[in-house]
Protein backbone atom coordinates (compact mmCIF):
# COMPACT_ATOMS: atom_id res chain seq x y z
CA UNK A 1 114.94 126.20 75.93
CA UNK A 2 114.48 122.63 77.23
CA UNK A 3 112.65 122.27 80.56
CA UNK A 4 115.19 120.24 82.65
CA UNK A 5 115.15 119.07 86.28
CA UNK A 6 117.96 118.76 88.73
CA UNK A 7 117.95 115.64 91.05
CA UNK A 8 119.94 116.16 94.17
CA UNK A 9 121.16 113.11 95.97
CA UNK A 10 120.82 114.12 99.65
CA UNK A 11 119.84 110.95 101.42
CA UNK A 12 123.20 110.28 102.98
CA UNK A 13 123.85 111.41 106.51
CA UNK A 14 127.55 111.85 106.18
CA UNK A 15 128.62 109.53 108.83
CA UNK A 16 132.38 110.17 108.27
CA UNK A 17 131.82 113.87 108.21
CA UNK A 18 130.10 113.92 111.60
CA UNK A 19 126.55 115.24 110.88
CA UNK A 20 124.15 116.09 108.15
CA UNK A 21 126.80 117.91 106.02
CA UNK A 22 124.09 118.72 103.30
CA UNK A 23 122.80 121.42 105.74
CA UNK A 24 126.18 122.69 106.97
CA UNK A 25 126.83 126.29 106.35
CA UNK A 26 129.76 127.31 104.08
CA UNK A 27 128.71 130.76 102.71
CA UNK A 28 128.88 134.03 104.69
CA UNK A 29 125.21 134.17 105.25
CA UNK A 30 124.62 130.51 106.14
CA UNK A 31 124.60 129.06 102.46
CA UNK A 32 125.18 125.39 102.07
CA UNK A 33 126.82 123.76 99.12
CA UNK A 34 123.21 122.86 97.91
CA UNK A 35 122.38 126.62 97.93
CA UNK A 36 125.18 127.26 95.33
CA UNK A 37 124.32 124.17 93.25
CA UNK A 38 120.60 125.34 93.01
CA UNK A 39 121.63 128.87 92.25
CA UNK A 40 123.99 127.72 89.46
CA UNK A 41 121.21 125.41 88.03
CA UNK A 42 118.67 128.18 88.00
CA UNK A 43 121.17 130.54 86.22
CA UNK A 44 121.71 127.79 83.61
CA UNK A 45 117.96 127.40 82.96
CA UNK A 46 116.84 124.44 85.08
CA UNK A 47 113.18 124.67 86.04
CA UNK A 48 112.69 122.28 88.82
CA UNK A 49 114.75 120.44 91.54
CA UNK A 50 113.98 117.16 93.27
CA UNK A 51 115.67 116.53 96.52
CA UNK A 52 116.12 112.82 97.30
CA UNK A 53 116.09 112.60 101.16
CA UNK A 54 115.30 110.13 104.01
CA UNK A 55 112.06 110.31 105.98
CA UNK A 56 113.92 110.57 109.30
CA UNK A 57 115.22 114.07 108.45
CA UNK A 58 112.81 115.40 105.97
CA UNK A 59 111.04 117.95 108.28
CA UNK A 60 114.43 119.30 109.12
CA UNK A 61 115.51 119.42 105.62
CA UNK A 62 112.49 121.14 104.33
CA UNK A 63 112.46 123.66 107.27
CA UNK A 64 116.06 124.58 106.59
CA UNK A 65 115.53 125.43 102.80
CA UNK A 66 111.97 127.01 103.20
CA UNK A 67 111.72 130.50 101.85
CA UNK A 68 114.96 130.49 100.04
CA UNK A 69 114.17 129.70 96.44
CA UNK A 70 110.59 128.63 95.98
CA UNK A 71 109.81 131.50 93.90
CA UNK A 72 112.67 130.85 91.47
CA UNK A 73 112.46 127.10 90.87
CA UNK A 74 109.85 124.36 91.19
CA UNK A 75 110.65 122.13 94.42
CA UNK A 76 109.94 118.47 95.07
CA UNK A 77 110.90 116.15 97.76
CA UNK A 78 111.17 112.37 97.29
CA UNK A 79 111.99 109.84 99.90
CA UNK A 80 114.56 106.92 99.43
CA UNK A 81 113.53 104.28 101.82
CA UNK A 82 114.48 100.42 102.02
CA UNK A 83 111.02 99.32 101.34
CA UNK A 84 110.92 101.10 97.82
CA UNK A 85 111.33 97.94 95.83
CA UNK A 86 109.30 96.23 93.17
CA UNK A 87 106.63 93.76 94.44
CA UNK A 88 107.62 90.10 94.69
CA UNK A 89 111.17 90.73 95.92
CA UNK A 90 112.38 89.63 99.31
CA UNK A 91 114.80 91.63 101.46
CA UNK A 92 116.81 90.69 104.50
CA UNK A 93 114.68 91.58 107.57
CA UNK A 94 117.72 93.00 109.47
CA UNK A 95 118.61 95.29 106.52
CA UNK A 96 118.83 98.97 107.30
CA UNK A 97 120.81 100.64 104.40
CA UNK A 98 119.06 101.77 101.31
CA UNK A 99 119.80 100.49 97.67
CA UNK A 100 122.52 102.86 96.50
CA UNK A 101 122.52 105.83 94.13
CA UNK A 102 120.91 104.16 91.17
CA UNK A 103 117.85 103.46 93.39
CA UNK A 104 118.00 107.04 94.86
CA UNK A 105 117.70 108.52 91.38
CA UNK A 106 114.57 106.27 90.66
CA UNK A 107 112.68 107.88 93.54
CA UNK A 108 112.40 111.05 91.49
CA UNK A 109 110.38 109.35 88.85
CA UNK A 110 107.02 110.86 89.80
CA UNK A 111 108.40 114.39 89.43
CA UNK A 112 110.50 114.22 86.23
CA UNK A 113 108.92 114.19 82.72
CA UNK A 114 111.91 115.41 80.70
CA UNK A 115 115.82 115.44 80.71
CA UNK A 116 117.41 115.64 84.06
CA UNK A 117 120.81 116.11 85.74
CA UNK A 118 122.06 114.18 88.88
CA UNK A 119 124.42 115.57 91.28
CA UNK A 120 125.64 114.86 94.85
CA UNK A 121 124.45 117.23 97.59
CA UNK A 122 127.82 117.77 99.00
CA UNK A 123 129.80 118.53 95.94
CA UNK A 124 130.30 121.99 94.19
CA UNK A 125 130.45 121.49 90.37
CA UNK A 126 130.67 125.01 89.16
CA UNK A 127 128.36 127.22 87.03
CA UNK A 128 129.89 126.09 83.72
CA UNK A 129 129.04 122.47 84.37
CA UNK A 130 125.30 123.14 84.53
CA UNK A 131 125.51 125.18 81.49
CA UNK A 132 127.26 122.30 79.70
CA UNK A 133 124.51 119.90 80.70
CA UNK A 134 121.78 122.37 79.55
CA UNK A 135 123.42 122.66 76.13
CA UNK A 136 123.60 118.95 75.89
CA UNK A 137 119.91 118.48 76.66
CA UNK A 138 119.00 121.19 74.24
CA UNK A 139 120.72 119.29 71.43
CA UNK A 140 119.73 115.71 72.23
CA UNK A 141 116.62 113.78 73.05
CA UNK A 142 115.75 110.34 74.56
CA UNK A 143 115.54 108.80 71.13
CA UNK A 144 119.34 109.09 70.67
CA UNK A 145 119.87 106.41 73.32
CA UNK A 146 122.60 108.43 74.73
CA UNK A 147 123.19 110.05 78.14
CA UNK A 148 125.65 112.55 79.37
CA UNK A 149 128.45 112.48 82.02
CA UNK A 150 130.37 115.57 82.97
CA UNK A 151 134.05 114.97 83.11
CA UNK A 152 136.50 117.22 85.06
CA UNK A 153 140.15 117.67 84.48
CA UNK A 154 141.96 115.82 87.21
CA UNK A 155 144.03 118.83 88.23
CA UNK A 156 140.86 120.70 89.07
CA UNK A 157 139.72 118.21 91.46
CA UNK A 158 142.81 117.54 93.64
CA UNK A 159 143.16 118.51 97.25
CA UNK A 160 146.11 120.19 99.06
CA UNK A 161 145.13 118.39 102.19
CA UNK A 162 145.67 114.72 101.40
CA UNK A 163 144.97 112.02 98.77
CA UNK A 164 141.72 111.70 96.72
CA UNK A 165 139.97 108.89 95.12
CA UNK A 166 138.76 109.40 91.59
CA UNK A 167 137.02 107.58 88.74
CA UNK A 168 139.43 107.95 85.74
CA UNK A 169 137.65 107.92 82.50
CA UNK A 170 138.73 106.15 79.21
CA UNK A 171 137.18 108.03 76.38
CA UNK A 172 136.98 106.93 72.71
CA UNK A 173 137.56 109.15 69.62
CA UNK A 174 133.95 109.90 69.38
CA UNK A 175 133.99 111.22 73.02
CA UNK A 176 132.00 108.37 74.36
CA UNK A 177 132.83 106.74 77.80
CA UNK A 178 134.71 103.25 77.39
CA UNK A 179 135.19 102.57 81.01
CA UNK A 180 135.73 104.25 84.41
CA UNK A 181 138.83 102.87 86.54
CA UNK A 182 138.61 103.69 90.14
CA UNK A 183 142.02 105.17 91.39
CA UNK A 184 142.63 105.55 95.01
CA UNK A 185 145.02 107.61 97.10
CA UNK A 186 145.84 110.03 94.16
CA UNK A 187 148.15 112.96 95.14
CA UNK A 188 150.28 115.55 93.49
CA UNK A 189 153.70 114.93 94.65
CA UNK A 190 156.63 117.26 95.35
CA UNK A 191 157.92 117.01 91.87
CA UNK A 192 154.63 118.22 90.44
CA UNK A 193 153.64 114.82 89.12
CA UNK A 194 150.33 113.14 90.16
CA UNK A 195 150.58 109.56 91.21
CA UNK A 196 148.60 106.84 92.90
CA UNK A 197 149.57 103.45 94.16
CA UNK A 198 148.55 100.37 92.14
CA UNK A 199 149.92 98.08 94.69
CA UNK A 200 152.31 98.21 97.72
CA UNK A 201 155.70 98.65 95.57
CA UNK A 202 154.74 100.87 92.58
CA UNK A 203 153.28 104.30 91.96
CA UNK A 204 151.63 105.11 88.66
CA UNK A 205 151.46 108.43 87.02
CA UNK A 206 148.24 110.35 85.84
CA UNK A 207 148.19 113.17 83.57
CA UNK A 208 146.93 116.30 85.06
CA UNK A 209 144.41 116.66 82.14
CA UNK A 210 143.05 113.19 82.67
CA UNK A 211 139.18 113.19 82.67
CA UNK A 212 137.56 112.17 85.92
CA UNK A 213 134.07 111.55 86.92
CA UNK A 214 132.66 113.35 89.91
CA UNK A 215 129.07 111.86 89.73
CA UNK A 216 127.44 114.50 87.62
CA UNK A 217 125.25 112.97 85.03
CA UNK A 218 122.51 113.97 82.40
CA UNK A 219 119.73 111.51 81.86
CA UNK A 220 116.36 111.32 79.97
CA UNK A 221 113.24 109.63 81.19
CA UNK A 222 114.18 106.13 79.65
CA UNK A 223 116.52 105.98 82.71
CA UNK A 224 113.62 104.77 84.79
CA UNK A 225 112.67 101.89 82.63
CA UNK A 226 116.33 100.84 82.32
CA UNK A 227 116.55 100.88 86.14
CA UNK A 228 113.31 98.76 86.70
CA UNK A 229 114.64 96.03 84.32
CA UNK A 230 118.07 95.83 85.93
CA UNK A 231 117.29 96.48 89.43
CA UNK A 232 114.97 93.43 89.51
CA UNK A 233 117.88 91.37 88.43
CA UNK A 234 120.06 92.90 90.98
CA UNK A 235 117.49 92.14 93.75
CA UNK A 236 117.14 88.58 92.62
CA UNK A 237 120.79 87.94 93.02
CA UNK A 238 121.42 90.28 96.09
CA UNK A 239 118.17 91.27 97.74
CA UNK A 240 118.84 89.23 100.77
CA UNK A 241 122.23 90.81 101.35
CA UNK A 242 122.69 93.34 104.27
CA UNK A 243 124.80 95.89 102.51
CA UNK A 244 124.57 95.21 98.64
CA UNK A 245 123.90 98.60 96.73
CA UNK A 246 123.06 99.41 93.14
CA UNK A 247 125.14 102.36 92.01
CA UNK A 248 124.76 104.64 89.06
CA UNK A 249 128.05 103.70 87.50
CA UNK A 250 126.91 99.97 87.96
CA UNK A 251 123.74 100.52 85.80
CA UNK A 252 125.71 102.51 83.35
CA UNK A 253 128.34 99.89 82.76
CA UNK A 254 125.49 97.34 82.19
CA UNK A 255 123.80 99.58 79.68
CA UNK A 256 126.94 100.42 77.70
CA UNK A 257 128.20 96.91 77.78
CA UNK A 258 124.93 95.61 76.34
CA UNK A 259 124.79 98.21 73.64
CA UNK A 260 121.61 99.72 74.94
CA UNK A 261 123.06 103.20 74.97
CA UNK A 262 126.27 105.29 74.73
CA UNK A 263 127.54 107.72 77.29
CA UNK A 264 128.80 111.19 76.11
CA UNK A 265 131.66 112.60 78.12
CA UNK A 266 131.02 116.36 78.50
CA UNK A 267 134.34 118.06 79.46
CA UNK A 268 134.00 120.83 82.07
CA UNK A 269 136.40 123.54 82.71
CA UNK A 270 134.91 124.18 86.18
CA UNK A 271 136.83 123.62 89.26
CA UNK A 272 135.17 120.81 91.50
CA UNK A 273 135.47 120.70 95.29
CA UNK A 274 133.58 118.77 97.98
CA UNK A 275 133.52 117.87 101.58
CA UNK A 276 134.03 114.49 103.21
CA UNK A 277 135.57 115.35 106.57
CA UNK A 278 135.32 118.24 108.97
CA UNK A 279 138.90 119.21 108.15
CA UNK A 280 137.70 120.01 104.53
CA UNK A 281 135.40 122.74 105.73
CA UNK A 282 137.96 125.66 105.88
CA UNK A 283 139.23 124.84 102.39
CA UNK A 284 135.64 124.90 101.05
CA UNK A 285 134.75 128.25 102.89
CA UNK A 286 137.93 129.83 101.46
CA UNK A 287 137.05 128.82 97.88
CA UNK A 288 133.46 130.05 98.18
CA UNK A 289 134.72 133.38 99.58
CA UNK A 290 137.11 133.63 96.77
CA UNK A 291 134.37 133.13 94.20
CA UNK A 292 132.20 135.78 95.90
CA UNK A 293 135.11 138.27 95.84
CA UNK A 294 135.64 137.51 92.14
CA UNK A 295 131.87 138.40 91.47
CA UNK A 296 130.64 134.84 90.68
CA UNK A 297 128.10 135.13 93.50
CA UNK A 298 126.62 137.88 95.58
CA UNK A 299 127.63 137.71 99.20
CA UNK A 300 123.92 137.15 100.24
CA UNK A 301 122.95 134.35 97.75
CA UNK A 302 119.17 134.68 97.98
CA UNK A 303 118.98 138.38 98.95
C-alpha cells in the first residue's frame, strides 16, 4: 500500500458564505465537512494530511480540530501567505490576496514526499473518490509523467436550489483530459434536460453523464518543481498586479499543452456536494444525515 498524503485547501475565509465555513458544523455532533473528508481519506488508506491555512486563523483552526484524529493520521499545517514567493520577484506593496490554489498546494512541499491528493476544504467528495485515487497511486509513479483528476458525473453535482458553475471535461479515447470548459449557470430544467446559457439568447444542453471537475486531484512530488518553473514566469508577468492568481487548472493547462505530462480522468460514482452560501447548509446537513442513516458514517464520527 502506497503512503499517500491529503492536502486540504483551507486558506479561504468564505466571504460569500459569511464566515469561516471550513469550521462550520454539519454533522449531528458538530462535524465539519473536513471531518468527513479526513474520515474517508483514512478509510481509503491515506497516512497524512496537510492543512493549508492562513496565519491569522491558524490558532483557532488548530484548536478546533485538536483531539479529533491525531491518533489516526499524521497531521501538518502549512501557511499560505503573500510573501511566500521566490527571491528576486517584486510584488505590489498594496497587494493583500495570496497567489491562488496552485500556490497553496506548493506550501505543502516540506511535508510531502510521495503521491498526494488535493481537495477543497468545503466540498464533500465521497468515500469512493478517495479509494479511486488510492488505486491510482498504487498503480502509477512519478516517472509516468501523468497526474490524475477525479471526474464526477454532472447529474451528481447539481443543486435543487439554483444554478451551478462546473468545469466540463473533454476526455480523449485513452481517458486523458483534453480541456476543461467552464460552464456557468447550469440548471436541470422542468423538462429534465440540463442547460446553460452560452449567451443572452441561446441555451445549450449538457448530458447528465457529462464529466465535470470538482477540484480533486492526484499529484506526485514533481508537481513542486513544475510549479517553481511556471510560477516564476507568472510572477514576471503579473507579480505587480493586485489580484492576479495562479490556479491549479492554469498550471495543468500549461503542462498538458507543453507535453510535459498527461492528466488521467478518474471517473467517480460518488455524489458531490458543497457549500457556497448559508442557504446551502440545510441541504448539506440533510445529505449527511441521510448518509448516517444509511450506515455510511457513525452518528458520532470520531467516537
